[in-house]
Amino acid sequence: MSVELASNTKASTIYVRLLDEGTDVFRPSSAIALGGDVYELLPSESYDPEDECWEFEPGSRVHALPRQGAEGEYLVASSLAE
């Protein structure tokens, strides 16, 4: 089920782990907050399932956990939300 974007809805950036890369690689994706730590990943123009294997595909509802990086805090998709 997809969430329609209202004109006042702001997308957040969530990082999604790429599989089969040989090292930890994360791809930024837009997402809509659904409440608490649950977000729905939005499709992006650059998503190509033939080129990259995302841990969670666009349209998935995921739990996002904050991580601390050199440039501050960011969100990482951690598991599927029900």
C-alpha atoms as a PDB file:
ATOM      1  CA  MET A   1       0.000   0.000   0.000  1.00  0.00           C
ATOM      2  CA  SER A   2       1.399   3.365  -0.982  1.00  0.00           C
ATOM      3  CA  VAL A   3       1.125   6.633   0.895  1.00  0.00           C
ATOM      4  CA  GLU A   4      -0.006   9.566  -1.228  1.00  0.00           C
ATOM      5  CA  LEU A   5       2.070  12.678  -0.748  1.00  0.00           C
ATOM      6  CA  ALA A   6       0.059  15.671   0.366  1.00  0.00           C
ATOM      7  CA  SER A   7       1.379  19.106  -0.523  1.00  0.00           C
ATOM      8  CA  ASN A   8       2.431  19.665   3.100  1.00  0.00           C
ATOM      9  CA  THR A   9       4.109  16.247   3.524  1.00  0.00           C
ATOM     10  CA  LYS A  10       7.864  16.384   3.826  1.00  0.00           C
ATOM     11  CA  ALA A  11       9.978  13.407   2.820  1.00  0.00           C
ATOM     12  CA  SER A  12      12.841  12.303   5.037  1.00  0.00           C
ATOM     13  CA  THR A  13      16.052  10.644   3.925  1.00  0.00           C
ATOM     14  CA  ILE A  14      16.544   7.026   5.020  1.00  0.00           C
ATOM     15  CA  TYR A  15      19.638   4.995   4.162  1.00  0.00           C
ATOM     16  CA  VAL A  16      19.035   1.472   2.846  1.00  0.00           C
ATOM     17  CA  ARG A  17      21.755  -1.200   2.904  1.00  0.00           C
ATOM     18  CA  LEU A  18      22.796  -2.615  -0.455  1.00  0.00           C
ATOM     19  CA  LEU A  19      23.267  -6.386  -0.554  1.00  0.00           C
ATOM     20  CA  ASP A  20      25.967  -8.296  -2.455  1.00  0.00           C
ATOM     21  CA  GLU A  21      28.430  -5.386  -2.483  1.00  0.00           C
ATOM     22  CA  GLY A  22      31.299  -7.079  -0.614  1.00  0.00           C
ATOM     23  CA  THR A  23      31.405  -4.264   1.946  1.00  0.00           C
ATOM     24  CA  ASP A  24      28.836  -2.175   3.819  1.00  0.00           C
ATOM     25  CA  VAL A  25      27.218   0.214   1.343  1.00  0.00           C
ATOM     26  CA  PHE A  26      24.107   2.307   1.969  1.00  0.00           C
ATOM     27  CA  ARG A  27      21.955   4.154  -0.557  1.00  0.00           C
ATOM     28  CA  PRO A  28      19.944   7.247   0.455  1.00  0.00           C
ATOM     29  CA  SER A  29      16.237   7.056  -0.307  1.00  0.00           C
ATOM     30  CA  SER A  30      13.310   9.348   0.345  1.00  0.00           C
ATOM     31  CA  ALA A  31      10.720   8.125   2.824  1.00  0.00           C
ATOM     32  CA  ILE A  32       7.538   9.308   4.488  1.00  0.00           C
ATOM     33  CA  ALA A  33       7.202   9.123   8.275  1.00  0.00           C
ATOM     34  CA  LEU A  34       4.178   7.024   9.264  1.00  0.00           C
ATOM     35  CA  GLY A  35       4.558   7.413  13.025  1.00  0.00           C
ATOM     36  CA  GLY A  36       7.080   6.360  15.615  1.00  0.00           C
ATOM     37  CA  ASP A  37      10.090   4.843  13.882  1.00  0.00           C
ATOM     38  CA  VAL A  38       8.109   3.537  10.867  1.00  0.00           C
ATOM     39  CA  TYR A  39       8.684   4.967   7.383  1.00  0.00           C
ATOM     40  CA  GLU A  40       7.553   4.064   3.879  1.00  0.00           C
ATOM     41  CA  LEU A  41      10.387   4.052   1.353  1.00  0.00           C
ATOM     42  CA  LEU A  42       9.523   6.006  -1.770  1.00  0.00           C
ATOM     43  CA  PRO A  43      10.517   5.019  -5.296  1.00  0.00           C
ATOM     44  CA  SER A  44      13.330   7.093  -6.743  1.00  0.00           C
ATOM     45  CA  GLU A  45      14.428   7.779 -10.302  1.00  0.00           C
ATOM     46  CA  SER A  46      17.800   6.143  -9.637  1.00  0.00           C
ATOM     47  CA  TYR A  47      16.402   2.844  -8.280  1.00  0.00           C
ATOM     48  CA  ASP A  48      17.380   0.033 -10.659  1.00  0.00           C
ATOM     49  CA  PRO A  49      16.785  -3.489  -9.277  1.00  0.00           C
ATOM     50  CA  GLU A  50      18.967  -4.868 -12.102  1.00  0.00           C
ATOM     51  CA  ASP A  51      21.932  -2.787 -10.896  1.00  0.00           C
ATOM     52  CA  GLU A  52      21.548  -2.769  -7.089  1.00  0.00           C
ATOM     53  CA  CYS A  53      19.974  -5.151  -4.615  1.00  0.00           C
ATOM     54  CA  TRP A  54      18.408  -3.073  -1.834  1.00  0.00           C
ATOM     55  CA  GLU A  55      17.756  -4.774   1.504  1.00  0.00           C
ATOM     56  CA  PHE A  56      14.263  -3.198   1.433  1.00  0.00           C
ATOM     57  CA  GLU A  57      12.602  -2.279  -1.874  1.00  0.00           C
ATOM     58  CA  PRO A  58      10.813   1.028  -2.521  1.00  0.00           C
ATOM     59  CA  GLY A  59       7.256   0.845  -1.202  1.00  0.00           C
ATOM     60  CA  SER A  60       8.360  -1.160   1.856  1.00  0.00           C
ATOM     61  CA  ARG A  61       7.432  -0.006   5.319  1.00  0.00           C
ATOM     62  CA  VAL A  62      10.488  -0.141   7.540  1.00  0.00           C
ATOM     63  CA  HIS A  63      11.664   0.633  11.035  1.00  0.00           C
ATOM     64  CA  ALA A  64      14.436   3.243  10.949  1.00  0.00           C
ATOM     65  CA  LEU A  65      17.105   3.599  13.600  1.00  0.00           C
ATOM     66  CA  PRO A  66      19.236   6.701  14.155  1.00  0.00           C
ATOM     67  CA  ARG A  67      22.980   6.369  13.597  1.00  0.00           C
ATOM     68  CA  GLN A  68      25.722   8.872  14.329  1.00  0.00           C
ATOM     69  CA  GLY A  69      28.111   9.796  11.521  1.00  0.00           C
ATOM     70  CA  ALA A  70      30.820  12.353  10.923  1.00  0.00           C
ATOM     71  CA  GLU A  71      28.225  14.842   9.652  1.00  0.00           C
ATOM     72  CA  GLY A  72      25.647  14.163  12.372  1.00  0.00           C
ATOM     73  CA  GLU A  73      22.730  11.834  12.921  1.00  0.00           C
ATOM     74  CA  TYR A  74      21.026   9.967  10.074  1.00  0.00           C
ATOM     75  CA  LEU A  75      18.386   7.224   9.760  1.00  0.00           C
ATOM     76  CA  VAL A  76      19.033   3.653   8.576  1.00  0.00           C
ATOM     77  CA  ALA A  77      16.315   1.185   7.563  1.00  0.00           C
ATOM     78  CA  SER A  78      16.690  -1.682  10.028  1.00  0.00           C
ATOM     79  CA  SER A  79      13.776  -4.085   9.569  1.00  0.00           C
ATOM     80  CA  LEU A  80      10.405  -4.466   7.888  1.00  0.00           C
ATOM     81  CA  ALA A  81       7.446  -2.967   9.738  1.00  0.00           C
ATOM     82  CA  GLU A  82       4.136  -4.793   9.858  1.00  0.00           C
END
